[in-house]
Amino acid sequence: MKIFSTVVALLLMSGAAIFFSTSLQSDSQTPLSPAASTVATTVKQQTNQALALSAEEQIGKTRYYDPAYVSLPYPGGDVDIERGVCSDVVIRALRQQGADLQQLVHQDMKGNFSSYPRIWGLKRPDTNIDHRRVPNLETYFKRHKMEQPVSLNARDYLPGDIVSWRLDNGLPHIGIVTDRYTREGRPLVVHNIGSGARAEDILFLWKINGHYRYFNK
């Protein structure tokens, strides 16, 4: 796995081998040494950069916006790469980094169904659509401590950050921040709002509803 190999390489270069046996265990409470903490931060930054690149790779491949309900295989199910909705940008980018939101959201909803929005009148989880709905993704990210502060300062939004909005008509929208910037210093965001995956200057175009950093732990 790309993430694993990057971690190992950085550990060897830093000489902080103890980090491998402690901080990669989710239940470890051992404080990191300064060297290990630096390695952990570097790994997070590189992984989030990779997430941004995975989003940009969809440009030119996803050419249509198509909100149709589709029966998907589980796990790892996806609609044709040529089409999709805004959430598919996030789903596909995270899959490239080893995180399958279809499976993760479904597992979380099975045990915590009442914590998720009841907007659609469902009585049970649905692996075909749950992960493709922005309010469900917002709930999942919040429940798993990925929230970052919402601000109007462009510097607070790093490559790989996931941002959700409420459009002027109240509909939810979501995209991924890139490492490309406008002349004014605003990062472009990869999203699909009707014409396929594109990187555009839309970060502050609508009201930001959520700001998340997936690889934040």
C-alpha atoms as a PDB file:
ATOM      1  CA  MET A   1       0.000   0.000   0.000  1.00  0.00           C
ATOM      2  CA  LYS A   2       1.330   3.459  -0.926  1.00  0.00           C
ATOM      3  CA  ILE A   3       0.662   4.976   2.489  1.00  0.00           C
ATOM      4  CA  PHE A   4       2.364   2.097   4.331  1.00  0.00           C
ATOM      5  CA  SER A   5       5.490   2.195   2.168  1.00  0.00           C
ATOM      6  CA  THR A   6       5.782   5.958   2.635  1.00  0.00           C
ATOM      7  CA  VAL A   7       5.578   5.585   6.407  1.00  0.00           C
ATOM      8  CA  VAL A   8       8.306   2.920   6.452  1.00  0.00           C
ATOM      9  CA  ALA A   9      10.632   4.965   4.242  1.00  0.00           C
ATOM     10  CA  LEU A  10      10.257   8.077   6.368  1.00  0.00           C
ATOM     11  CA  LEU A  11      10.831   6.133   9.555  1.00  0.00           C
ATOM     12  CA  LEU A  12      14.071   4.690   8.251  1.00  0.00           C
ATOM     13  CA  MET A  13      15.310   8.107   7.157  1.00  0.00           C
ATOM     14  CA  SER A  14      14.501   9.710  10.488  1.00  0.00           C
ATOM     15  CA  GLY A  15      15.838   6.914  12.649  1.00  0.00           C
ATOM     16  CA  ALA A  16      12.574   6.987  14.632  1.00  0.00           C
ATOM     17  CA  ALA A  17      11.795   3.293  14.330  1.00  0.00           C
ATOM     18  CA  ILE A  18       9.955   3.252  17.635  1.00  0.00           C
ATOM     19  CA  PHE A  19       7.191   5.295  15.978  1.00  0.00           C
ATOM     20  CA  PHE A  20       6.299   2.293  13.856  1.00  0.00           C
ATOM     21  CA  SER A  21       5.567   0.107  16.855  1.00  0.00           C
ATOM     22  CA  THR A  22       3.625   2.675  18.869  1.00  0.00           C
ATOM     23  CA  SER A  23       1.830   5.516  17.112  1.00  0.00           C
ATOM     24  CA  LEU A  24       0.459   3.422  14.256  1.00  0.00           C
ATOM     25  CA  GLN A  25      -1.607   1.531  16.815  1.00  0.00           C
ATOM     26  CA  SER A  26      -4.878   3.402  17.210  1.00  0.00           C
ATOM     27  CA  ASP A  27      -5.143   2.612  20.917  1.00  0.00           C
ATOM     28  CA  SER A  28      -1.630   3.738  21.814  1.00  0.00           C
ATOM     29  CA  GLN A  29      -1.421   6.606  24.298  1.00  0.00           C
ATOM     30  CA  THR A  30       2.390   6.864  24.251  1.00  0.00           C
ATOM     31  CA  PRO A  31       3.468  10.458  23.475  1.00  0.00           C
ATOM     32  CA  LEU A  32       5.502  10.781  20.284  1.00  0.00           C
ATOM     33  CA  SER A  33       9.114  11.875  20.416  1.00  0.00           C
ATOM     34  CA  PRO A  34       9.897  15.099  18.521  1.00  0.00           C
ATOM     35  CA  ALA A  35      11.405  13.086  15.642  1.00  0.00           C
ATOM     36  CA  ALA A  36       8.448  10.710  15.486  1.00  0.00           C
ATOM     37  CA  SER A  37       5.998  13.623  15.639  1.00  0.00           C
ATOM     38  CA  THR A  38       7.748  15.245  12.671  1.00  0.00           C
ATOM     39  CA  VAL A  39       7.516  11.994  10.718  1.00  0.00           C
ATOM     40  CA  ALA A  40       3.808  11.646  11.549  1.00  0.00           C
ATOM     41  CA  THR A  41       3.118  15.204  10.379  1.00  0.00           C
ATOM     42  CA  THR A  42       5.043  14.638   7.151  1.00  0.00           C
ATOM     43  CA  VAL A  43       3.141  11.429   6.433  1.00  0.00           C
ATOM     44  CA  LYS A  44      -0.202  13.186   6.965  1.00  0.00           C
ATOM     45  CA  GLN A  45       0.818  16.034   4.667  1.00  0.00           C
ATOM     46  CA  GLN A  46       1.976  13.670   1.942  1.00  0.00           C
ATOM     47  CA  THR A  47      -1.188  11.587   2.192  1.00  0.00           C
ATOM     48  CA  ASN A  48      -3.402  14.653   1.971  1.00  0.00           C
ATOM     49  CA  GLN A  49      -1.369  15.877  -1.011  1.00  0.00           C
ATOM     50  CA  ALA A  50      -1.951  12.479  -2.634  1.00  0.00           C
ATOM     51  CA  LEU A  51      -5.678  12.843  -1.964  1.00  0.00           C
ATOM     52  CA  ALA A  52      -5.681  16.197  -3.763  1.00  0.00           C
ATOM     53  CA  LEU A  53      -3.878  14.647  -6.733  1.00  0.00           C
ATOM     54  CA  SER A  54      -6.356  11.759  -6.819  1.00  0.00           C
ATOM     55  CA  ALA A  55      -9.154  14.304  -7.097  1.00  0.00           C
ATOM     56  CA  GLU A  56      -7.408  16.165  -9.919  1.00  0.00           C
ATOM     57  CA  GLU A  57      -6.861  12.918 -11.834  1.00  0.00           C
ATOM     58  CA  GLN A  58     -10.636  12.716 -12.294  1.00  0.00           C
ATOM     59  CA  ILE A  59     -10.646  15.860 -14.439  1.00  0.00           C
ATOM     60  CA  GLY A  60     -11.268  14.862 -18.040  1.00  0.00           C
ATOM     61  CA  LYS A  61     -12.419  11.392 -16.990  1.00  0.00           C
ATOM     62  CA  THR A  62     -15.650  12.291 -15.191  1.00  0.00           C
ATOM     63  CA  ARG A  63     -17.409  14.393 -17.811  1.00  0.00           C
ATOM     64  CA  TYR A  64     -21.056  14.291 -16.802  1.00  0.00           C
ATOM     65  CA  TYR A  65     -23.214  14.989 -13.775  1.00  0.00           C
ATOM     66  CA  ASP A  66     -25.651  12.130 -13.263  1.00  0.00           C
ATOM     67  CA  PRO A  67     -27.608  11.820  -9.989  1.00  0.00           C
ATOM     68  CA  ALA A  68     -29.464   8.622 -10.987  1.00  0.00           C
ATOM     69  CA  TYR A  69     -29.882   5.934  -8.324  1.00  0.00           C
ATOM     70  CA  VAL A  70     -27.744   2.946  -9.334  1.00  0.00           C
ATOM     71  CA  SER A  71     -27.399  -0.525  -7.808  1.00  0.00           C
ATOM     72  CA  LEU A  72     -23.730  -0.921  -6.897  1.00  0.00           C
ATOM     73  CA  PRO A  73     -21.550  -3.885  -5.938  1.00  0.00           C
ATOM     74  CA  TYR A  74     -20.433  -3.841  -2.320  1.00  0.00           C
ATOM     75  CA  PRO A  75     -17.779  -3.056  -1.251  1.00  0.00           C
ATOM     76  CA  GLY A  76     -15.880  -1.030  -3.841  1.00  0.00           C
ATOM     77  CA  GLY A  77     -18.939  -0.210  -5.943  1.00  0.00           C
ATOM     78  CA  ASP A  78     -18.889   2.758  -8.305  1.00  0.00           C
ATOM     79  CA  VAL A  79     -20.838   4.202 -11.193  1.00  0.00           C
ATOM     80  CA  ASP A  80     -19.081   4.563 -14.549  1.00  0.00           C
ATOM     81  CA  ILE A  81     -16.105   6.932 -14.230  1.00  0.00           C
ATOM     82  CA  GLU A  82     -17.565   9.119 -16.987  1.00  0.00           C
ATOM     83  CA  ARG A  83     -20.399  10.215 -14.739  1.00  0.00           C
ATOM     84  CA  GLY A  84     -21.304  10.862 -11.148  1.00  0.00           C
ATOM     85  CA  VAL A  85     -22.214  13.542  -8.618  1.00  0.00           C
ATOM     86  CA  CYS A  86     -20.174  15.814  -6.357  1.00  0.00           C
ATOM     87  CA  SER A  87     -19.755  13.166  -3.671  1.00  0.00           C
ATOM     88  CA  ASP A  88     -18.278  10.722  -6.191  1.00  0.00           C
ATOM     89  CA  VAL A  89     -15.254  13.032  -6.505  1.00  0.00           C
ATOM     90  CA  VAL A  90     -14.539  12.503  -2.802  1.00  0.00           C
ATOM     91  CA  ILE A  91     -15.374   8.785  -2.857  1.00  0.00           C
ATOM     92  CA  ARG A  92     -13.078   8.062  -5.801  1.00  0.00           C
ATOM     93  CA  ALA A  93     -10.195  10.135  -4.465  1.00  0.00           C
ATOM     94  CA  LEU A  94     -10.301   8.432  -1.054  1.00  0.00           C
ATOM     95  CA  ARG A  95     -10.493   4.981  -2.630  1.00  0.00           C
ATOM     96  CA  GLN A  96      -7.200   5.746  -4.352  1.00  0.00           C
ATOM     97  CA  GLN A  97      -5.752   6.263  -0.860  1.00  0.00           C
ATOM     98  CA  GLY A  98      -7.187   3.032   0.549  1.00  0.00           C
ATOM     99  CA  ALA A  99     -10.380   4.345   2.196  1.00  0.00           C
ATOM    100  CA  ASP A 100     -13.683   2.984   0.846  1.00  0.00           C
ATOM    101  CA  LEU A 101     -16.426   5.360   1.978  1.00  0.00           C
ATOM    102  CA  GLN A 102     -19.100   3.000   0.699  1.00  0.00           C
ATOM    103  CA  GLN A 103     -18.008   0.394   3.219  1.00  0.00           C
ATOM    104  CA  LEU A 104     -17.006   2.779   5.992  1.00  0.00           C
ATOM    105  CA  VAL A 105     -20.237   4.775   5.951  1.00  0.00           C
ATOM    106  CA  HIS A 106     -22.333   1.610   5.718  1.00  0.00           C
ATOM    107  CA  GLN A 107     -20.611   0.010   8.703  1.00  0.00           C
ATOM    108  CA  ASP A 108     -21.019   3.184  10.746  1.00  0.00           C
ATOM    109  CA  MET A 109     -24.671   3.560   9.786  1.00  0.00           C
ATOM    110  CA  LYS A 110     -25.456  -0.056  10.679  1.00  0.00           C
ATOM    111  CA  GLY A 111     -24.456   0.561  14.282  1.00  0.00           C
ATOM    112  CA  ASN A 112     -25.502   4.205  14.537  1.00  0.00           C
ATOM    113  CA  PHE A 113     -28.406   4.650  12.149  1.00  0.00           C
ATOM    114  CA  SER A 114     -30.209   7.148  14.384  1.00  0.00           C
ATOM    115  CA  SER A 115     -27.178   9.469  14.281  1.00  0.00           C
ATOM    116  CA  TYR A 116     -27.551   9.999  10.537  1.00  0.00           C
ATOM    117  CA  PRO A 117     -29.955  12.375   8.771  1.00  0.00           C
ATOM    118  CA  ARG A 118     -33.509  11.148   8.153  1.00  0.00           C
ATOM    119  CA  ILE A 119     -33.980  13.391   5.115  1.00  0.00           C
ATOM    120  CA  TRP A 120     -34.798  10.551   2.730  1.00  0.00           C
ATOM    121  CA  GLY A 121     -37.172   8.527   4.890  1.00  0.00           C
ATOM    122  CA  LEU A 122     -35.020   5.401   4.954  1.00  0.00           C
ATOM    123  CA  LYS A 123     -35.571   2.769   7.634  1.00  0.00           C
ATOM    124  CA  ARG A 124     -32.270   0.971   7.131  1.00  0.00           C
ATOM    125  CA  PRO A 125     -28.861   1.576   5.491  1.00  0.00           C
ATOM    126  CA  ASP A 126     -28.563   1.314   1.718  1.00  0.00           C
ATOM    127  CA  THR A 127     -25.104   0.499   0.338  1.00  0.00           C
ATOM    128  CA  ASN A 128     -26.096   1.819  -3.087  1.00  0.00           C
ATOM    129  CA  ILE A 129     -26.656   5.431  -2.096  1.00  0.00           C
ATOM    130  CA  ASP A 130     -25.837   6.285   1.543  1.00  0.00           C
ATOM    131  CA  HIS A 131     -22.194   7.199   0.900  1.00  0.00           C
ATOM    132  CA  ARG A 132     -23.148   9.311  -2.135  1.00  0.00           C
ATOM    133  CA  ARG A 133     -25.252  11.699  -0.064  1.00  0.00           C
ATOM    134  CA  VAL A 134     -23.387  14.761   1.194  1.00  0.00           C
ATOM    135  CA  PRO A 135     -25.198  15.063   4.569  1.00  0.00           C
ATOM    136  CA  ASN A 136     -24.245  11.450   5.320  1.00  0.00           C
ATOM    137  CA  LEU A 137     -20.596  12.161   4.504  1.00  0.00           C
ATOM    138  CA  GLU A 138     -20.673  15.257   6.719  1.00  0.00           C
ATOM    139  CA  THR A 139     -22.063  13.151   9.552  1.00  0.00           C
ATOM    140  CA  TYR A 140     -19.453  10.439   9.065  1.00  0.00           C
ATOM    141  CA  PHE A 141     -16.586  12.945   9.026  1.00  0.00           C
ATOM    142  CA  LYS A 142     -17.883  14.665  12.164  1.00  0.00           C
ATOM    143  CA  ARG A 143     -18.410  11.394  14.014  1.00  0.00           C
ATOM    144  CA  HIS A 144     -14.832  10.380  13.264  1.00  0.00           C
ATOM    145  CA  LYS A 145     -13.253  13.643  14.429  1.00  0.00           C
ATOM    146  CA  MET A 146     -12.167  14.964  11.054  1.00  0.00           C
ATOM    147  CA  GLU A 147     -13.691  18.435  11.432  1.00  0.00           C
ATOM    148  CA  GLN A 148     -11.541  21.522  10.940  1.00  0.00           C
ATOM    149  CA  PRO A 149     -12.520  25.129  11.675  1.00  0.00           C
ATOM    150  CA  VAL A 150     -14.641  26.888   9.067  1.00  0.00           C
ATOM    151  CA  SER A 151     -13.181  30.256   8.182  1.00  0.00           C
ATOM    152  CA  LEU A 152     -12.919  32.771   5.358  1.00  0.00           C
ATOM    153  CA  ASN A 153      -9.123  32.605   5.442  1.00  0.00           C
ATOM    154  CA  ALA A 154      -7.847  30.751   2.369  1.00  0.00           C
ATOM    155  CA  ARG A 155      -4.692  29.685   4.230  1.00  0.00           C
ATOM    156  CA  ASP A 156      -6.757  27.502   6.557  1.00  0.00           C
ATOM    157  CA  TYR A 157      -7.662  25.184   3.664  1.00  0.00           C
ATOM    158  CA  LEU A 158      -4.869  22.754   2.772  1.00  0.00           C
ATOM    159  CA  PRO A 159      -4.483  20.467  -0.251  1.00  0.00           C
ATOM    160  CA  GLY A 160      -6.602  17.357   0.311  1.00  0.00           C
ATOM    161  CA  ASP A 161      -9.057  19.074   2.657  1.00  0.00           C
ATOM    162  CA  ILE A 162     -12.693  18.203   2.029  1.00  0.00           C
ATOM    163  CA  VAL A 163     -15.148  21.095   2.011  1.00  0.00           C
ATOM    164  CA  SER A 164     -18.942  21.006   1.921  1.00  0.00           C
ATOM    165  CA  TRP A 165     -21.314  23.873   1.186  1.00  0.00           C
ATOM    166  CA  ARG A 166     -24.954  24.771   1.016  1.00  0.00           C
ATOM    167  CA  LEU A 167     -25.694  26.248  -2.392  1.00  0.00           C
ATOM    168  CA  ASP A 168     -27.854  29.330  -2.786  1.00  0.00           C
ATOM    169  CA  ASN A 169     -30.839  27.022  -3.333  1.00  0.00           C
ATOM    170  CA  GLY A 170     -30.074  25.126  -0.113  1.00  0.00           C
ATOM    171  CA  LEU A 171     -28.748  21.965  -1.753  1.00  0.00           C
ATOM    172  CA  PRO A 172     -25.585  20.366  -0.308  1.00  0.00           C
ATOM    173  CA  HIS A 173     -22.357  20.226  -2.305  1.00  0.00           C
ATOM    174  CA  ILE A 174     -18.858  18.860  -1.651  1.00  0.00           C
ATOM    175  CA  GLY A 175     -15.351  18.958  -3.139  1.00  0.00           C
ATOM    176  CA  ILE A 176     -11.612  18.553  -2.467  1.00  0.00           C
ATOM    177  CA  VAL A 177      -9.069  21.372  -2.127  1.00  0.00           C
ATOM    178  CA  THR A 178      -6.090  21.255  -4.504  1.00  0.00           C
ATOM    179  CA  ASP A 179      -2.549  22.632  -4.356  1.00  0.00           C
ATOM    180  CA  ARG A 180      -3.258  25.077  -7.192  1.00  0.00           C
ATOM    181  CA  TYR A 181      -4.103  28.680  -6.360  1.00  0.00           C
ATOM    182  CA  THR A 182      -5.581  31.808  -7.856  1.00  0.00           C
ATOM    183  CA  ARG A 183      -3.503  34.981  -8.056  1.00  0.00           C
ATOM    184  CA  GLU A 184      -5.309  36.136  -4.928  1.00  0.00           C
ATOM    185  CA  GLY A 185      -4.175  33.023  -3.035  1.00  0.00           C
ATOM    186  CA  ARG A 186      -7.403  31.005  -3.004  1.00  0.00           C
ATOM    187  CA  PRO A 187      -6.953  27.281  -3.613  1.00  0.00           C
ATOM    188  CA  LEU A 188      -8.864  25.732  -6.486  1.00  0.00           C
ATOM    189  CA  VAL A 189     -11.328  22.990  -5.575  1.00  0.00           C
ATOM    190  CA  VAL A 190     -12.140  19.834  -7.558  1.00  0.00           C
ATOM    191  CA  HIS A 191     -15.893  19.310  -7.687  1.00  0.00           C
ATOM    192  CA  ASN A 192     -18.698  18.213 -10.000  1.00  0.00           C
ATOM    193  CA  ILE A 193     -21.676  20.527 -10.082  1.00  0.00           C
ATOM    194  CA  GLY A 194     -23.000  19.755 -13.543  1.00  0.00           C
ATOM    195  CA  SER A 195     -20.222  19.485 -16.099  1.00  0.00           C
ATOM    196  CA  GLY A 196     -18.035  16.731 -14.703  1.00  0.00           C
ATOM    197  CA  ALA A 197     -14.986  16.988 -12.454  1.00  0.00           C
ATOM    198  CA  ARG A 198     -13.341  20.395 -12.650  1.00  0.00           C
ATOM    199  CA  ALA A 199     -10.866  22.439 -10.599  1.00  0.00           C
ATOM    200  CA  GLU A 200     -12.388  25.855 -10.025  1.00  0.00           C
ATOM    201  CA  ASP A 201     -12.214  28.932  -7.814  1.00  0.00           C
ATOM    202  CA  ILE A 202     -15.341  28.171  -5.772  1.00  0.00           C
ATOM    203  CA  LEU A 203     -14.078  27.848  -2.181  1.00  0.00           C
ATOM    204  CA  PHE A 204     -15.904  30.944  -0.951  1.00  0.00           C
ATOM    205  CA  LEU A 205     -18.604  31.057  -3.607  1.00  0.00           C
ATOM    206  CA  TRP A 206     -21.230  29.509  -1.312  1.00  0.00           C
ATOM    207  CA  LYS A 207     -21.739  29.179   2.419  1.00  0.00           C
ATOM    208  CA  ILE A 208     -19.286  26.629   3.810  1.00  0.00           C
ATOM    209  CA  ASN A 209     -21.080  24.046   5.902  1.00  0.00           C
ATOM    210  CA  GLY A 210     -18.166  21.757   6.754  1.00  0.00           C
ATOM    211  CA  HIS A 211     -14.376  21.594   6.588  1.00  0.00           C
ATOM    212  CA  TYR A 212     -12.714  18.202   7.057  1.00  0.00           C
ATOM    213  CA  ARG A 213      -9.218  16.699   6.979  1.00  0.00           C
ATOM    214  CA  TYR A 214      -9.547  12.980   6.424  1.00  0.00           C
ATOM    215  CA  PHE A 215      -5.977  11.938   7.272  1.00  0.00           C
ATOM    216  CA  ASN A 216      -5.821  14.047  10.399  1.00  0.00           C
ATOM    217  CA  LYS A 217      -5.102  11.460  13.102  1.00  0.00           C
END
